[in-house]
Amino acid sequence: MAGKIHKLINSIVESRSDGNNAIANCIRTKLILKGIDPFKYDENSEDDEEIIAQLKDLQNMQDL
């Protein structure tokens, strides 16, 4: 299923930012620092199981 990474990234950003654009940008920056570029993935991007596992771990963490 293509686009799963994109959906996970959006889910993490939306849940942690609560609609605040400044916080959403900060979260995207933190993802980049962790080696996941959120701007690289879209609805048509192929899924990489390693990236999906990293995102699921981040999703379960309290601090990002």
N, C-alpha and C. Protein backbone atom coordinates (compact mmCIF):
# COMPACT_ATOMS: atom_id res chain seq x y z
N MET A 1 0.84 -1.18 0.00
CA MET A 1 0.00 0.00 0.00
C MET A 1 0.88 1.24 0.00
N ALA A 2 0.89 1.95 -1.05
CA ALA A 2 1.71 3.16 -1.17
C ALA A 2 1.12 4.28 -0.32
N GLY A 3 1.99 5.10 0.24
CA GLY A 3 1.56 6.27 0.99
C GLY A 3 1.39 6.05 2.48
N LYS A 4 1.73 4.89 2.98
CA LYS A 4 1.57 4.63 4.41
C LYS A 4 2.50 5.52 5.23
N ILE A 5 3.71 5.75 4.76
CA ILE A 5 4.66 6.62 5.46
C ILE A 5 4.10 8.04 5.55
N HIS A 6 3.55 8.51 4.45
CA HIS A 6 2.96 9.85 4.41
C HIS A 6 1.84 9.97 5.44
N LYS A 7 0.99 8.96 5.53
CA LYS A 7 -0.11 8.98 6.48
C LYS A 7 0.39 8.95 7.92
N LEU A 8 1.41 8.15 8.19
CA LEU A 8 1.98 8.09 9.55
C LEU A 8 2.60 9.43 9.94
N ILE A 9 3.33 10.04 9.04
CA ILE A 9 3.94 11.35 9.32
C ILE A 9 2.86 12.38 9.62
N ASN A 10 1.82 12.42 8.78
CA ASN A 10 0.73 13.37 9.01
C ASN A 10 0.03 13.11 10.34
N SER A 11 -0.15 11.85 10.67
CA SER A 11 -0.78 11.49 11.94
C SER A 11 0.03 11.98 13.13
N ILE A 12 1.34 11.77 13.08
CA ILE A 12 2.22 12.21 14.17
C ILE A 12 2.19 13.72 14.30
N VAL A 13 2.32 14.41 13.17
CA VAL A 13 2.35 15.88 13.19
C VAL A 13 1.02 16.44 13.71
N GLU A 14 -0.10 15.91 13.22
CA GLU A 14 -1.40 16.42 13.63
C GLU A 14 -1.68 16.15 15.10
N SER A 15 -1.35 14.96 15.57
CA SER A 15 -1.66 14.63 16.96
C SER A 15 -0.80 15.42 17.94
N ARG A 16 0.42 15.72 17.57
CA ARG A 16 1.33 16.42 18.50
C ARG A 16 1.20 17.93 18.42
N SER A 17 0.76 18.46 17.28
CA SER A 17 0.73 19.91 17.12
C SER A 17 -0.62 20.52 17.49
N ASP A 18 -1.67 19.73 17.50
CA ASP A 18 -3.02 20.23 17.81
C ASP A 18 -3.39 21.45 16.96
N GLY A 19 -2.97 21.45 15.71
CA GLY A 19 -3.33 22.52 14.79
C GLY A 19 -2.42 23.73 14.83
N ASN A 20 -1.43 23.75 15.69
CA ASN A 20 -0.51 24.87 15.78
C ASN A 20 0.60 24.71 14.74
N ASN A 21 0.64 25.62 13.77
CA ASN A 21 1.61 25.52 12.67
C ASN A 21 3.05 25.60 13.13
N ALA A 22 3.33 26.41 14.13
CA ALA A 22 4.70 26.53 14.62
C ALA A 22 5.18 25.21 15.21
N ILE A 23 4.32 24.57 15.97
CA ILE A 23 4.68 23.27 16.56
C ILE A 23 4.78 22.21 15.47
N ALA A 24 3.89 22.25 14.49
CA ALA A 24 3.95 21.28 13.39
C ALA A 24 5.27 21.39 12.65
N ASN A 25 5.73 22.61 12.41
CA ASN A 25 7.03 22.80 11.74
C ASN A 25 8.17 22.30 12.60
N CYS A 26 8.06 22.51 13.90
CA CYS A 26 9.09 22.01 14.83
C CYS A 26 9.15 20.49 14.80
N ILE A 27 8.00 19.84 14.77
CA ILE A 27 7.95 18.38 14.72
C ILE A 27 8.54 17.87 13.42
N ARG A 28 8.23 18.52 12.31
CA ARG A 28 8.82 18.12 11.02
C ARG A 28 10.35 18.27 11.05
N THR A 29 10.82 19.34 11.70
CA THR A 29 12.27 19.53 11.83
C THR A 29 12.89 18.42 12.66
N LYS A 30 12.22 18.04 13.74
CA LYS A 30 12.73 16.96 14.58
C LYS A 30 12.76 15.64 13.82
N LEU A 31 11.77 15.41 12.96
CA LEU A 31 11.78 14.21 12.13
C LEU A 31 12.99 14.21 11.20
N ILE A 32 13.29 15.37 10.62
CA ILE A 32 14.45 15.48 9.74
C ILE A 32 15.73 15.17 10.52
N LEU A 33 15.83 15.69 11.74
CA LEU A 33 17.01 15.42 12.57
C LEU A 33 17.13 13.94 12.93
N LYS A 34 16.01 13.24 12.95
CA LYS A 34 16.04 11.80 13.23
C LYS A 34 16.23 10.97 11.96
N GLY A 35 16.40 11.65 10.81
CA GLY A 35 16.71 10.96 9.57
C GLY A 35 15.52 10.66 8.69
N ILE A 36 14.35 11.24 9.00
CA ILE A 36 13.16 11.02 8.19
C ILE A 36 12.70 12.37 7.64
N ASP A 37 12.83 12.56 6.35
CA ASP A 37 12.44 13.81 5.71
C ASP A 37 10.95 13.74 5.35
N PRO A 38 10.07 14.46 6.06
CA PRO A 38 8.65 14.36 5.80
C PRO A 38 8.25 14.91 4.43
N PHE A 39 9.09 15.76 3.84
CA PHE A 39 8.78 16.33 2.54
C PHE A 39 9.16 15.40 1.40
N LYS A 40 9.84 14.33 1.71
CA LYS A 40 10.27 13.35 0.71
C LYS A 40 9.14 12.38 0.35
N TYR A 41 8.18 12.24 1.24
CA TYR A 41 7.13 11.23 1.07
C TYR A 41 5.79 11.89 0.76
N ASP A 42 5.07 11.28 -0.20
CA ASP A 42 3.72 11.72 -0.52
C ASP A 42 2.82 10.50 -0.66
N GLU A 43 1.62 10.70 -1.16
CA GLU A 43 0.65 9.62 -1.27
C GLU A 43 1.10 8.50 -2.20
N ASN A 44 2.00 8.80 -3.11
CA ASN A 44 2.44 7.83 -4.11
C ASN A 44 3.80 7.21 -3.80
N SER A 45 4.40 7.58 -2.69
CA SER A 45 5.73 7.06 -2.33
C SER A 45 5.63 5.59 -1.94
N GLU A 46 6.64 4.85 -2.36
CA GLU A 46 6.70 3.43 -1.98
C GLU A 46 6.97 3.32 -0.49
N ASP A 47 6.39 2.32 0.12
CA ASP A 47 6.56 2.11 1.55
C ASP A 47 7.85 1.36 1.85
N ASP A 48 8.55 1.84 2.85
CA ASP A 48 9.79 1.22 3.33
C ASP A 48 9.52 0.75 4.75
N GLU A 49 9.60 -0.55 4.97
CA GLU A 49 9.25 -1.13 6.26
C GLU A 49 10.12 -0.58 7.40
N GLU A 50 11.37 -0.26 7.11
CA GLU A 50 12.27 0.29 8.14
C GLU A 50 11.79 1.67 8.59
N ILE A 51 11.41 2.52 7.65
CA ILE A 51 10.91 3.86 7.98
C ILE A 51 9.58 3.75 8.72
N ILE A 52 8.73 2.84 8.29
CA ILE A 52 7.44 2.64 8.96
C ILE A 52 7.66 2.22 10.41
N ALA A 53 8.60 1.33 10.65
CA ALA A 53 8.91 0.88 12.01
C ALA A 53 9.42 2.04 12.86
N GLN A 54 10.29 2.88 12.28
CA GLN A 54 10.80 4.04 13.02
C GLN A 54 9.66 4.99 13.38
N LEU A 55 8.76 5.23 12.43
CA LEU A 55 7.65 6.14 12.68
C LEU A 55 6.70 5.59 13.73
N LYS A 56 6.46 4.29 13.72
CA LYS A 56 5.59 3.69 14.72
C LYS A 56 6.22 3.80 16.11
N ASP A 57 7.54 3.65 16.19
CA ASP A 57 8.24 3.84 17.46
C ASP A 57 8.10 5.28 17.94
N LEU A 58 8.27 6.23 17.02
CA LEU A 58 8.13 7.64 17.37
C LEU A 58 6.71 7.98 17.78
N GLN A 59 5.75 7.34 17.14
CA GLN A 59 4.35 7.57 17.44
C GLN A 59 4.02 7.15 18.87
N ASN A 60 4.69 6.11 19.35
CA ASN A 60 4.43 5.60 20.69
C ASN A 60 5.23 6.32 21.77
N MET A 61 6.24 7.09 21.37
CA MET A 61 7.07 7.81 22.33
C MET A 61 6.35 9.07 22.81
N GLN A 62 6.62 9.46 24.04
CA GLN A 62 6.05 10.68 24.58
C GLN A 62 6.76 11.92 24.02
N ASP A 63 8.08 11.85 23.92
CA ASP A 63 8.86 12.98 23.41
C ASP A 63 9.31 12.68 22.00
N LEU A 64 9.23 13.69 21.16
CA LEU A 64 9.71 13.52 19.79
C LEU A 64 10.88 14.41 19.56
